[in-house]
Amino acid sequence: MCPGCAHRSAFFEIKQVYSDAIFAGDIGCYTLGVNLGVTDTVFCMGASVSFAFGFNKAFKLSDKNQHVVAIIGDSTFFHTGLSALIDAIHNNAKFLLVILDNSTVAMTGNQKTLSSPVNSLGEAVKPISIEKIVRNLDIGFLEIVDPYDFKKSIEVLKQSKDYIEKNSSIAVIIFRHLCVNTDEGLKNNPIIKVFVDNDCKGCKLCIDEFECQSLIFNEDTKQVEIDRKTCIDCAQCIYSCPFGSIKVLK
């Protein structure tokens, strides 16, 4: 994934709360979440939702309470995820559905999604709202959060976990942040420069757990550094250091 990609932030946050879950992945640039430990299955477009439904049913038969998380992108949700979600709701499934909404079809050239007010030809069209669709399906838990907001994201994820356990139902979180690989996304992205202080222990947890290309390990100093050539100054890596060695440059 690209430096500053909000999907990476969402994956990192999901792992903090659902560390013991089975993660049903899908087709998109976020499939690279397999490197971050939040993609256990990849089969075809829309399979994240149907796999999560199937896993839930299988664990019910064995009387095992296993957390299951389905992760799907916004355009894939429109394309093939919706029908699987309807089937899962109808059959009383229990899992967390994460919809990664970056407002573009990033993997195939940044085409417009159905939520855009214009199509790829620049023509005005009627935007389709993901949250309106989900609400009309009578989902009891729906939250929209920017994955760049670490504290809020963790809070919402914990709330979803409690809701699923108490109601034995489906919870939906829409992680919404513009793709930084688009002109609009990069232009509107916050600029917060960070640096790695001299207290860096060289444990490389930030590199292994967050896996941003702009975090590099200096073999001479045995410490992590920021690659200024690739860093877009999103400051999302701050939360990846358990010792607080990545700090905002003031």
Protein backbone atom coordinates (compact mmCIF):
# COMPACT_ATOMS: atom_id res chain seq x y z
CA MET A 1 0.00 0.00 0.00
CA CYS A 2 1.08 3.59 -0.62
CA PRO A 3 2.67 5.77 2.08
CA GLY A 4 -0.14 7.52 3.92
CA CYS A 5 -2.79 5.02 2.80
CA ALA A 6 -5.68 5.15 5.25
CA HIS A 7 -6.30 1.43 4.76
CA ARG A 8 -3.02 0.77 6.57
CA SER A 9 -4.20 2.87 9.51
CA ALA A 10 -7.53 1.03 9.59
CA PHE A 11 -5.78 -2.36 9.54
CA PHE A 12 -3.46 -1.35 12.37
CA GLU A 13 -6.43 -0.20 14.45
CA ILE A 14 -8.49 -3.31 13.72
CA LYS A 15 -5.62 -5.50 14.94
CA GLN A 16 -5.53 -3.66 18.26
CA VAL A 17 -9.13 -4.62 19.06
CA TYR A 18 -9.79 -7.80 17.06
CA SER A 19 -6.41 -9.48 17.49
CA ASP A 20 -8.00 -12.93 17.82
CA ALA A 21 -10.35 -12.65 14.83
CA ILE A 22 -10.48 -14.50 11.55
CA PHE A 23 -10.21 -11.91 8.79
CA ALA A 24 -12.07 -12.50 5.54
CA GLY A 25 -10.44 -10.33 2.87
CA ASP A 26 -11.51 -9.23 -0.57
CA ILE A 27 -10.21 -8.01 -3.93
CA GLY A 28 -8.65 -4.55 -4.07
CA CYS A 29 -5.46 -2.71 -3.14
CA TYR A 30 -6.40 -3.47 0.47
CA THR A 31 -5.73 -7.15 -0.27
CA LEU A 32 -2.18 -6.17 0.70
CA GLY A 33 -3.51 -6.25 4.25
CA VAL A 34 -2.30 -9.84 4.20
CA ASN A 35 1.13 -8.44 5.06
CA LEU A 36 -0.34 -6.70 8.10
CA GLY A 37 -2.02 -9.81 9.49
CA VAL A 38 -5.61 -8.80 8.76
CA THR A 39 -6.33 -10.93 5.70
CA ASP A 40 -6.72 -14.67 6.21
CA THR A 41 -8.76 -15.42 3.09
CA VAL A 42 -8.91 -13.99 -0.43
CA PHE A 43 -11.07 -15.70 -3.02
CA CYS A 44 -13.11 -13.43 -5.29
CA MET A 45 -14.91 -10.09 -5.26
CA GLY A 46 -17.51 -10.03 -2.49
CA ALA A 47 -16.24 -13.22 -0.88
CA SER A 48 -15.25 -11.41 2.33
CA VAL A 49 -18.89 -11.06 3.37
CA SER A 50 -19.99 -14.53 2.27
CA PHE A 51 -16.92 -16.13 3.89
CA ALA A 52 -17.58 -14.26 7.16
CA PHE A 53 -21.17 -15.51 7.06
CA GLY A 54 -19.97 -19.07 6.43
CA PHE A 55 -17.34 -18.94 9.18
CA ASN A 56 -19.94 -17.67 11.63
CA LYS A 57 -22.33 -20.50 10.78
CA ALA A 58 -19.56 -23.10 11.10
CA PHE A 59 -18.49 -21.84 14.52
CA LYS A 60 -22.10 -21.81 15.69
CA LEU A 61 -22.35 -25.50 14.85
CA SER A 62 -19.29 -26.21 16.99
CA ASP A 63 -20.47 -23.93 19.82
CA LYS A 64 -17.33 -21.81 19.50
CA ASN A 65 -17.47 -18.05 20.00
CA GLN A 66 -14.99 -16.86 17.39
CA HIS A 67 -14.71 -13.24 16.28
CA VAL A 68 -14.98 -12.83 12.52
CA VAL A 69 -14.22 -9.65 10.55
CA ALA A 70 -15.07 -9.12 6.88
CA ILE A 71 -13.07 -6.39 5.12
CA ILE A 72 -14.24 -5.00 1.79
CA GLY A 73 -13.66 -1.84 -0.25
CA ASP A 74 -16.34 0.66 -1.21
CA SER A 75 -16.46 -0.17 -4.92
CA THR A 76 -16.33 -3.93 -4.27
CA PHE A 77 -19.16 -3.55 -1.77
CA PHE A 78 -21.30 -1.96 -4.47
CA HIS A 79 -20.21 -4.53 -7.03
CA THR A 80 -20.66 -7.83 -5.20
CA GLY A 81 -20.71 -7.36 -1.42
CA LEU A 82 -24.26 -6.11 -1.03
CA SER A 83 -26.05 -9.31 -2.05
CA ALA A 84 -23.91 -11.36 0.35
CA LEU A 85 -24.66 -8.91 3.17
CA ILE A 86 -28.41 -9.18 2.56
CA ASP A 87 -28.16 -12.96 2.75
CA ALA A 88 -26.12 -12.78 5.97
CA ILE A 89 -28.62 -10.42 7.61
CA HIS A 90 -31.53 -12.61 6.55
CA ASN A 91 -29.88 -15.64 8.17
CA ASN A 92 -29.00 -13.93 11.48
CA ALA A 93 -25.24 -13.89 11.00
CA LYS A 94 -22.87 -12.40 13.56
CA PHE A 95 -19.67 -10.61 12.50
CA LEU A 96 -18.07 -7.22 11.94
CA LEU A 97 -18.22 -5.82 8.42
CA VAL A 98 -15.56 -3.19 7.68
CA ILE A 99 -16.11 -1.12 4.54
CA LEU A 100 -12.97 0.75 3.47
CA ASP A 101 -14.25 3.86 1.69
CA ASN A 102 -11.55 5.85 -0.10
CA SER A 103 -13.95 7.20 -2.77
CA THR A 104 -12.10 5.69 -5.71
CA VAL A 105 -11.38 2.42 -7.49
CA ALA A 106 -7.69 2.69 -6.66
CA MET A 107 -6.50 -0.72 -7.83
CA THR A 108 -7.53 -0.26 -11.46
CA GLY A 109 -6.76 3.39 -12.13
CA ASN A 110 -8.76 5.60 -9.75
CA GLN A 111 -12.08 5.36 -11.56
CA LYS A 112 -15.12 6.93 -9.90
CA THR A 113 -17.23 4.87 -7.50
CA LEU A 114 -21.02 4.83 -7.33
CA SER A 115 -20.87 7.28 -4.42
CA SER A 116 -19.37 9.97 -6.68
CA PRO A 117 -21.58 12.83 -7.98
CA VAL A 118 -19.82 12.52 -11.36
CA ASN A 119 -18.89 9.48 -13.42
CA SER A 120 -15.58 8.71 -15.12
CA LEU A 121 -16.68 10.77 -18.14
CA GLY A 122 -17.23 13.82 -15.96
CA GLU A 123 -21.00 13.64 -16.32
CA ALA A 124 -23.25 14.53 -13.38
CA VAL A 125 -24.84 11.41 -11.89
CA LYS A 126 -26.81 10.51 -8.79
CA PRO A 127 -24.43 9.46 -5.97
CA ILE A 128 -25.34 6.31 -4.05
CA SER A 129 -24.76 6.44 -0.29
CA ILE A 130 -23.25 3.36 1.35
CA GLU A 131 -24.54 4.34 4.78
CA LYS A 132 -28.10 4.83 3.51
CA ILE A 133 -28.04 1.34 2.02
CA VAL A 134 -26.75 -0.16 5.28
CA ARG A 135 -29.28 1.72 7.41
CA ASN A 136 -32.13 0.56 5.18
CA LEU A 137 -31.03 -3.02 5.79
CA ASP A 138 -31.89 -2.49 9.46
CA ILE A 139 -28.32 -2.87 10.72
CA GLY A 140 -28.33 -2.03 14.43
CA PHE A 141 -24.73 -0.80 14.60
CA LEU A 142 -23.33 1.53 11.95
CA GLU A 143 -20.48 3.97 12.53
CA ILE A 144 -18.48 6.11 10.12
CA VAL A 145 -14.98 7.05 11.21
CA ASP A 146 -11.81 8.46 9.68
CA PRO A 147 -9.02 5.91 10.24
CA TYR A 148 -6.61 8.83 10.59
CA ASP A 149 -8.36 9.43 13.94
CA PHE A 150 -6.68 6.65 15.92
CA LYS A 151 -8.42 7.19 19.27
CA LYS A 152 -11.90 7.48 17.75
CA SER A 153 -11.31 4.42 15.57
CA ILE A 154 -10.25 2.31 18.55
CA GLU A 155 -13.29 3.51 20.49
CA VAL A 156 -15.69 2.61 17.66
CA LEU A 157 -14.07 -0.80 17.16
CA LYS A 158 -14.47 -1.60 20.86
CA GLN A 159 -18.11 -0.50 20.70
CA SER A 160 -18.70 -2.78 17.71
CA LYS A 161 -17.22 -5.72 19.57
CA ASP A 162 -19.51 -5.13 22.55
CA TYR A 163 -22.52 -4.74 20.27
CA ILE A 164 -21.84 -7.99 18.42
CA GLU A 165 -21.45 -9.93 21.67
CA LYS A 166 -24.58 -8.49 23.28
CA ASN A 167 -26.84 -8.67 20.21
CA SER A 168 -25.37 -11.63 18.31
CA SER A 169 -25.73 -9.61 15.13
CA ILE A 170 -23.81 -7.83 12.38
CA ALA A 171 -22.04 -4.54 13.06
CA VAL A 172 -20.80 -2.27 10.26
CA ILE A 173 -17.98 0.27 10.37
CA ILE A 174 -17.25 2.50 7.39
CA PHE A 175 -13.65 3.71 7.50
CA ARG A 176 -13.76 6.81 5.29
CA HIS A 177 -10.73 8.73 4.06
CA LEU A 178 -9.89 9.96 0.56
CA CYS A 179 -7.26 7.94 -1.30
CA VAL A 180 -3.94 9.79 -1.04
CA ASN A 181 -3.03 8.52 -4.50
CA THR A 182 -5.54 10.94 -6.03
CA ASP A 183 -5.00 14.67 -6.54
CA GLU A 184 -7.95 15.54 -4.30
CA GLY A 185 -6.92 13.10 -1.60
CA LEU A 186 -3.31 14.28 -1.44
CA LYS A 187 -4.31 17.95 -1.56
CA ASN A 188 -6.70 17.58 1.38
CA ASN A 189 -4.51 15.30 3.47
CA PRO A 190 -3.19 16.79 6.73
CA ILE A 191 0.50 17.76 6.75
CA ILE A 192 2.14 16.74 10.02
CA LYS A 193 5.88 16.11 9.93
CA VAL A 194 7.30 13.50 12.29
CA PHE A 195 10.75 12.30 13.25
CA VAL A 196 12.27 9.36 15.11
CA ASP A 197 14.14 10.47 18.23
CA ASN A 198 17.44 9.11 19.48
CA ASP A 199 15.68 6.90 22.02
CA CYS A 200 14.59 4.53 19.24
CA LYS A 201 15.33 1.00 20.47
CA GLY A 202 15.70 -0.45 16.99
CA CYS A 203 13.08 -3.12 17.71
CA LYS A 204 11.54 -2.55 14.25
CA LEU A 205 8.02 -3.10 15.59
CA CYS A 206 6.86 -0.01 13.68
CA ILE A 207 8.22 -1.47 10.44
CA ASP A 208 6.85 -4.96 11.07
CA GLU A 209 3.44 -3.96 12.44
CA PHE A 210 2.70 -0.82 10.40
CA GLU A 211 4.76 -1.61 7.31
CA CYS A 212 4.99 1.84 5.75
CA GLN A 213 7.67 2.19 3.07
CA SER A 214 8.76 5.49 4.60
CA LEU A 215 9.93 3.76 7.79
CA ILE A 216 13.41 2.43 7.10
CA PHE A 217 15.99 0.75 9.32
CA ASN A 218 19.50 2.19 9.39
CA GLU A 219 21.91 -0.73 9.75
CA ASP A 220 24.69 1.58 10.93
CA THR A 221 22.81 3.30 13.77
CA LYS A 222 20.50 0.32 14.40
CA GLN A 223 17.58 2.74 14.54
CA VAL A 224 14.54 3.55 12.42
CA GLU A 225 14.52 6.64 10.22
CA ILE A 226 11.95 8.49 8.10
CA ASP A 227 12.53 8.35 4.35
CA ARG A 228 11.75 11.94 3.36
CA LYS A 229 11.63 11.05 -0.33
CA THR A 230 8.55 8.87 0.08
CA CYS A 231 6.94 10.21 3.29
CA ILE A 232 3.82 12.34 2.70
CA ASP A 233 3.77 13.70 6.29
CA CYS A 234 0.56 12.00 7.38
CA ALA A 235 1.95 11.22 10.88
CA GLN A 236 0.01 7.95 11.05
CA CYS A 237 3.12 6.01 12.06
CA ILE A 238 3.19 7.75 15.46
CA TYR A 239 0.89 5.13 16.94
CA SER A 240 2.99 2.24 15.64
CA CYS A 241 5.83 2.84 18.12
CA PRO A 242 5.05 1.31 21.54
CA PHE A 243 7.80 3.41 23.12
CA GLY A 244 6.73 6.80 21.73
CA SER A 245 9.93 7.37 19.77
CA ILE A 246 8.10 8.69 16.69
CA LYS A 247 7.22 12.29 17.48
CA VAL A 248 5.68 15.32 15.80
CA LEU A 249 8.28 17.76 14.50
CA LYS A 250 7.46 21.16 16.00
